[in-house]
Amino acid sequence: MLNDPKLSETASTSIADRENLCLVSAASQWEVAIKISVGKYRISDDFETLWNDVLSRFATLNIEPRHTAKLISLPFHHKDPFDRLLIAQSLAEQIPVISSDAVLDAYGIQRIW
């Protein structure tokens, strides 16, 4: 959405491919709001406007009990609670995650980067 130059070409291509159903986790929306509030991330637009735009282009992956249930037995290779929830969602839904974080590979999920 923001044409971040840190996004890999493979990830960008996967997102741009209209054949792919792209999902945005509710956890990501929550994490971005927190990062903005503590000054770790900046956006040029209003947060609500940005997310309305994001959600007009991508489907929302809500946080469901089957996702949070996966957290109970998930090993602690990764400590970040948002990333752990994305991993749990990936496992529960059998879907890949776009991330540069190679630690996610320890969970056996499909990581696109």
N, C-alpha and C. Protein backbone atom coordinates (compact mmCIF):
# COMPACT_ATOMS: atom_id res chain seq x y z
N MET A 1 0.83 -1.20 0.00
CA MET A 1 0.00 0.00 0.00
C MET A 1 0.86 1.25 0.00
N LEU A 2 1.97 1.23 0.74
CA LEU A 2 2.81 2.41 0.90
C LEU A 2 4.04 2.38 0.01
N ASN A 3 4.14 1.35 -0.84
CA ASN A 3 5.31 1.20 -1.72
C ASN A 3 6.61 1.26 -0.94
N ASP A 4 6.65 0.59 0.18
CA ASP A 4 7.83 0.57 1.03
C ASP A 4 8.99 -0.06 0.26
N PRO A 5 10.11 0.67 0.13
CA PRO A 5 11.25 0.14 -0.64
C PRO A 5 11.89 -1.07 0.03
N LYS A 6 11.58 -1.33 1.31
CA LYS A 6 12.14 -2.50 2.00
C LYS A 6 11.42 -3.79 1.61
N LEU A 7 10.26 -3.69 0.98
CA LEU A 7 9.51 -4.87 0.57
C LEU A 7 10.24 -5.55 -0.59
N SER A 8 10.45 -6.85 -0.47
CA SER A 8 11.18 -7.57 -1.52
C SER A 8 10.37 -7.60 -2.82
N GLU A 9 11.07 -7.86 -3.91
CA GLU A 9 10.39 -7.95 -5.20
C GLU A 9 9.41 -9.13 -5.22
N THR A 10 9.82 -10.24 -4.62
CA THR A 10 8.95 -11.42 -4.56
C THR A 10 7.68 -11.11 -3.78
N ALA A 11 7.83 -10.44 -2.63
CA ALA A 11 6.67 -10.08 -1.83
C ALA A 11 5.78 -9.10 -2.58
N SER A 12 6.37 -8.10 -3.20
CA SER A 12 5.60 -7.11 -3.97
C SER A 12 4.82 -7.77 -5.10
N THR A 13 5.47 -8.68 -5.79
CA THR A 13 4.82 -9.39 -6.90
C THR A 13 3.66 -10.23 -6.40
N SER A 14 3.86 -10.91 -5.28
CA SER A 14 2.79 -11.74 -4.71
C SER A 14 1.59 -10.90 -4.32
N ILE A 15 1.84 -9.75 -3.73
CA ILE A 15 0.75 -8.86 -3.32
C ILE A 15 0.02 -8.29 -4.54
N ALA A 16 0.78 -7.93 -5.57
CA ALA A 16 0.20 -7.30 -6.76
C ALA A 16 -0.56 -8.29 -7.64
N ASP A 17 -0.28 -9.57 -7.52
CA ASP A 17 -0.92 -10.59 -8.35
C ASP A 17 -2.40 -10.71 -7.97
N ARG A 18 -3.27 -10.31 -8.87
CA ARG A 18 -4.72 -10.31 -8.60
C ARG A 18 -5.28 -11.73 -8.45
N GLU A 19 -4.50 -12.74 -8.82
CA GLU A 19 -4.92 -14.13 -8.63
C GLU A 19 -4.83 -14.54 -7.16
N ASN A 20 -4.04 -13.80 -6.38
CA ASN A 20 -3.86 -14.12 -4.97
C ASN A 20 -4.87 -13.36 -4.11
N LEU A 21 -5.45 -14.06 -3.15
CA LEU A 21 -6.29 -13.41 -2.16
C LEU A 21 -5.36 -12.92 -1.06
N CYS A 22 -5.24 -11.62 -0.94
CA CYS A 22 -4.36 -11.04 0.07
C CYS A 22 -5.17 -10.68 1.31
N LEU A 23 -4.72 -11.18 2.44
CA LEU A 23 -5.38 -10.96 3.72
C LEU A 23 -4.50 -10.08 4.59
N VAL A 24 -5.12 -9.22 5.36
CA VAL A 24 -4.42 -8.41 6.34
C VAL A 24 -4.97 -8.77 7.71
N SER A 25 -4.09 -9.24 8.57
CA SER A 25 -4.54 -9.64 9.90
C SER A 25 -4.94 -8.43 10.72
N ALA A 26 -5.99 -8.60 11.50
CA ALA A 26 -6.38 -7.57 12.45
C ALA A 26 -5.23 -7.27 13.41
N ALA A 27 -4.38 -8.26 13.65
CA ALA A 27 -3.21 -8.06 14.50
C ALA A 27 -2.25 -7.03 13.90
N SER A 28 -2.15 -6.99 12.59
CA SER A 28 -1.26 -6.03 11.93
C SER A 28 -1.79 -4.60 12.09
N GLN A 29 -3.08 -4.44 11.99
CA GLN A 29 -3.69 -3.12 12.19
C GLN A 29 -3.41 -2.63 13.61
N TRP A 30 -3.56 -3.51 14.56
CA TRP A 30 -3.32 -3.20 15.96
C TRP A 30 -1.85 -2.86 16.20
N GLU A 31 -0.95 -3.65 15.61
CA GLU A 31 0.48 -3.43 15.79
C GLU A 31 0.92 -2.08 15.19
N VAL A 32 0.42 -1.75 14.01
CA VAL A 32 0.78 -0.48 13.38
C VAL A 32 0.30 0.69 14.24
N ALA A 33 -0.90 0.60 14.78
CA ALA A 33 -1.42 1.67 15.64
C ALA A 33 -0.51 1.87 16.85
N ILE A 34 -0.07 0.78 17.45
CA ILE A 34 0.83 0.88 18.61
C ILE A 34 2.16 1.48 18.21
N LYS A 35 2.73 1.04 17.09
CA LYS A 35 4.02 1.57 16.65
C LYS A 35 3.94 3.06 16.33
N ILE A 36 2.84 3.50 15.77
CA ILE A 36 2.66 4.94 15.51
C ILE A 36 2.58 5.69 16.83
N SER A 37 1.84 5.15 17.78
CA SER A 37 1.64 5.85 19.06
C SER A 37 2.92 6.01 19.86
N VAL A 38 3.86 5.08 19.70
CA VAL A 38 5.13 5.18 20.44
C VAL A 38 6.25 5.78 19.59
N GLY A 39 5.93 6.24 18.39
CA GLY A 39 6.89 6.92 17.55
C GLY A 39 7.83 6.02 16.77
N LYS A 40 7.54 4.72 16.66
CA LYS A 40 8.40 3.79 15.92
C LYS A 40 8.05 3.71 14.44
N TYR A 41 6.91 4.30 14.06
CA TYR A 41 6.46 4.23 12.69
C TYR A 41 5.69 5.50 12.38
N ARG A 42 5.88 6.02 11.18
CA ARG A 42 5.19 7.23 10.78
C ARG A 42 4.46 6.99 9.46
N ILE A 43 3.30 7.60 9.34
CA ILE A 43 2.56 7.55 8.09
C ILE A 43 2.21 8.98 7.70
N SER A 44 2.04 9.19 6.41
CA SER A 44 1.77 10.55 5.93
C SER A 44 0.28 10.87 5.92
N ASP A 45 -0.56 9.86 6.11
CA ASP A 45 -2.00 10.04 6.06
C ASP A 45 -2.60 9.78 7.44
N ASP A 46 -3.83 10.10 7.60
CA ASP A 46 -4.57 9.78 8.81
C ASP A 46 -4.68 8.25 8.93
N PHE A 47 -4.51 7.74 10.14
CA PHE A 47 -4.52 6.28 10.37
C PHE A 47 -5.81 5.64 9.87
N GLU A 48 -6.93 6.20 10.23
CA GLU A 48 -8.21 5.60 9.83
C GLU A 48 -8.38 5.62 8.32
N THR A 49 -7.97 6.70 7.68
CA THR A 49 -8.04 6.80 6.23
C THR A 49 -7.15 5.75 5.59
N LEU A 50 -5.94 5.61 6.11
CA LEU A 50 -5.00 4.61 5.59
C LEU A 50 -5.61 3.22 5.67
N TRP A 51 -6.13 2.84 6.82
CA TRP A 51 -6.66 1.49 6.99
C TRP A 51 -7.94 1.26 6.20
N ASN A 52 -8.76 2.28 6.04
CA ASN A 52 -9.93 2.13 5.17
C ASN A 52 -9.49 1.85 3.75
N ASP A 53 -8.40 2.50 3.31
CA ASP A 53 -7.85 2.26 1.98
C ASP A 53 -7.29 0.83 1.88
N VAL A 54 -6.53 0.42 2.90
CA VAL A 54 -5.98 -0.93 2.93
C VAL A 54 -7.11 -1.96 2.84
N LEU A 55 -8.13 -1.76 3.66
CA LEU A 55 -9.21 -2.75 3.73
C LEU A 55 -10.13 -2.71 2.51
N SER A 56 -10.01 -1.66 1.69
CA SER A 56 -10.76 -1.65 0.44
C SER A 56 -10.06 -2.50 -0.62
N ARG A 57 -8.78 -2.79 -0.41
CA ARG A 57 -8.00 -3.57 -1.37
C ARG A 57 -7.68 -4.98 -0.91
N PHE A 58 -7.70 -5.21 0.40
CA PHE A 58 -7.35 -6.51 0.96
C PHE A 58 -8.45 -6.98 1.90
N ALA A 59 -8.57 -8.27 2.02
CA ALA A 59 -9.55 -8.83 2.95
C ALA A 59 -8.96 -8.86 4.36
N THR A 60 -9.83 -8.73 5.35
CA THR A 60 -9.40 -8.77 6.74
C THR A 60 -9.38 -10.21 7.23
N LEU A 61 -8.31 -10.56 7.92
CA LEU A 61 -8.25 -11.85 8.61
C LEU A 61 -8.47 -11.55 10.08
N ASN A 62 -9.70 -11.76 10.52
CA ASN A 62 -10.03 -11.50 11.91
C ASN A 62 -9.34 -12.50 12.83
N ILE A 63 -9.25 -12.15 14.09
CA ILE A 63 -8.65 -13.03 15.08
C ILE A 63 -9.76 -13.93 15.62
N GLU A 64 -9.61 -15.21 15.41
CA GLU A 64 -10.63 -16.20 15.77
C GLU A 64 -10.10 -17.10 16.89
N PRO A 65 -11.01 -17.75 17.62
CA PRO A 65 -10.57 -18.68 18.67
C PRO A 65 -9.62 -19.77 18.15
N ARG A 66 -9.81 -20.24 16.92
CA ARG A 66 -8.91 -21.28 16.39
C ARG A 66 -7.50 -20.74 16.21
N HIS A 67 -7.36 -19.42 16.05
CA HIS A 67 -6.03 -18.80 15.94
C HIS A 67 -5.38 -18.69 17.31
N THR A 68 -6.12 -18.15 18.26
CA THR A 68 -5.54 -17.95 19.60
C THR A 68 -5.31 -19.29 20.29
N ALA A 69 -6.09 -20.31 19.96
CA ALA A 69 -5.86 -21.64 20.53
C ALA A 69 -4.49 -22.18 20.11
N LYS A 70 -4.06 -21.86 18.90
CA LYS A 70 -2.74 -22.30 18.42
C LYS A 70 -1.61 -21.71 19.27
N LEU A 71 -1.84 -20.54 19.85
CA LEU A 71 -0.81 -19.88 20.66
C LEU A 71 -0.42 -20.70 21.89
N ILE A 72 -1.36 -21.48 22.40
CA ILE A 72 -1.12 -22.23 23.63
C ILE A 72 0.04 -23.20 23.49
N SER A 73 0.12 -23.87 22.36
CA SER A 73 1.17 -24.87 22.16
C SER A 73 2.31 -24.39 21.26
N LEU A 74 2.26 -23.15 20.84
CA LEU A 74 3.28 -22.63 19.93
C LEU A 74 4.61 -22.46 20.66
N PRO A 75 5.68 -23.06 20.15
CA PRO A 75 6.99 -22.88 20.78
C PRO A 75 7.42 -21.41 20.76
N PHE A 76 8.29 -21.05 21.66
CA PHE A 76 8.72 -19.66 21.78
C PHE A 76 9.99 -19.36 20.98
N HIS A 77 10.02 -19.79 19.72
CA HIS A 77 11.13 -19.40 18.84
C HIS A 77 11.10 -17.88 18.66
N HIS A 78 9.89 -17.35 18.67
CA HIS A 78 9.68 -15.92 18.47
C HIS A 78 8.93 -15.39 19.68
N LYS A 79 9.38 -14.24 20.20
CA LYS A 79 8.76 -13.68 21.41
C LYS A 79 7.73 -12.60 21.13
N ASP A 80 7.79 -11.97 19.95
CA ASP A 80 6.88 -10.87 19.64
C ASP A 80 5.43 -11.37 19.58
N PRO A 81 4.54 -10.81 20.39
CA PRO A 81 3.16 -11.32 20.42
C PRO A 81 2.41 -11.14 19.11
N PHE A 82 2.70 -10.09 18.37
CA PHE A 82 2.00 -9.89 17.09
C PHE A 82 2.48 -10.92 16.07
N ASP A 83 3.79 -11.13 16.00
CA ASP A 83 4.31 -12.13 15.07
C ASP A 83 3.82 -13.52 15.45
N ARG A 84 3.75 -13.81 16.74
CA ARG A 84 3.24 -15.11 17.19
C ARG A 84 1.80 -15.32 16.73
N LEU A 85 1.00 -14.27 16.79
CA LEU A 85 -0.38 -14.39 16.33
C LEU A 85 -0.44 -14.60 14.82
N LEU A 86 0.41 -13.91 14.07
CA LEU A 86 0.46 -14.12 12.62
C LEU A 86 0.86 -15.56 12.30
N ILE A 87 1.80 -16.10 13.06
CA ILE A 87 2.23 -17.49 12.88
C ILE A 87 1.05 -18.42 13.16
N ALA A 88 0.36 -18.18 14.26
CA ALA A 88 -0.79 -19.02 14.62
C ALA A 88 -1.87 -18.95 13.54
N GLN A 89 -2.12 -17.77 13.01
CA GLN A 89 -3.11 -17.63 11.94
C GLN A 89 -2.67 -18.38 10.69
N SER A 90 -1.39 -18.29 10.37
CA SER A 90 -0.85 -18.99 9.21
C SER A 90 -1.03 -20.50 9.36
N LEU A 91 -0.72 -21.01 10.54
CA LEU A 91 -0.86 -22.45 10.79
C LEU A 91 -2.33 -22.88 10.75
N ALA A 92 -3.19 -22.13 11.40
CA ALA A 92 -4.60 -22.49 11.47
C ALA A 92 -5.29 -22.42 10.10
N GLU A 93 -4.93 -21.43 9.31
CA GLU A 93 -5.58 -21.22 8.01
C GLU A 93 -4.83 -21.85 6.85
N GLN A 94 -3.62 -22.37 7.13
CA GLN A 94 -2.79 -22.96 6.07
C GLN A 94 -2.52 -21.95 4.96
N ILE A 95 -2.08 -20.76 5.37
CA ILE A 95 -1.79 -19.68 4.42
C ILE A 95 -0.38 -19.15 4.66
N PRO A 96 0.26 -18.64 3.61
CA PRO A 96 1.61 -18.08 3.78
C PRO A 96 1.58 -16.71 4.46
N VAL A 97 2.74 -16.31 4.94
CA VAL A 97 2.92 -15.00 5.56
C VAL A 97 4.01 -14.27 4.77
N ILE A 98 3.76 -13.00 4.50
CA ILE A 98 4.80 -12.18 3.89
C ILE A 98 5.59 -11.53 5.02
N SER A 99 6.87 -11.90 5.10
CA SER A 99 7.73 -11.37 6.16
C SER A 99 9.19 -11.58 5.80
N SER A 100 10.03 -10.63 6.23
CA SER A 100 11.47 -10.78 6.07
C SER A 100 12.09 -11.53 7.24
N ASP A 101 11.31 -11.81 8.26
CA ASP A 101 11.81 -12.41 9.50
C ASP A 101 12.00 -13.92 9.34
N ALA A 102 13.26 -14.34 9.19
CA ALA A 102 13.58 -15.75 8.98
C ALA A 102 13.28 -16.62 10.20
N VAL A 103 13.13 -16.03 11.38
CA VAL A 103 12.79 -16.81 12.58
C VAL A 103 11.45 -17.51 12.39
N LEU A 104 10.57 -16.96 11.59
CA LEU A 104 9.27 -17.57 11.34
C LEU A 104 9.40 -18.94 10.70
N ASP A 105 10.50 -19.19 10.01
CA ASP A 105 10.71 -20.47 9.34
C ASP A 105 10.76 -21.63 10.33
N ALA A 106 11.13 -21.36 11.57
CA ALA A 106 11.20 -22.42 12.59
C ALA A 106 9.84 -23.02 12.89
N TYR A 107 8.77 -22.35 12.48
CA TYR A 107 7.41 -22.83 12.74
C TYR A 107 6.84 -23.68 11.60
N GLY A 108 7.60 -23.82 10.53
CA GLY A 108 7.12 -24.64 9.43
C GLY A 108 6.04 -24.00 8.59
N ILE A 109 5.92 -22.70 8.66
CA ILE A 109 4.94 -22.01 7.83
C ILE A 109 5.58 -21.65 6.50
N GLN A 110 4.74 -21.32 5.52
CA GLN A 110 5.27 -20.83 4.25
C GLN A 110 5.47 -19.32 4.40
N ARG A 111 6.72 -18.89 4.25
CA ARG A 111 7.05 -17.47 4.37
C ARG A 111 7.46 -16.97 2.99
N ILE A 112 6.85 -15.89 2.56
CA ILE A 112 7.17 -15.28 1.27
C ILE A 112 8.06 -14.08 1.53
N TRP A 113 9.20 -14.08 0.91
CA TRP A 113 10.08 -12.92 0.94
C TRP A 113 11.00 -12.98 -0.24
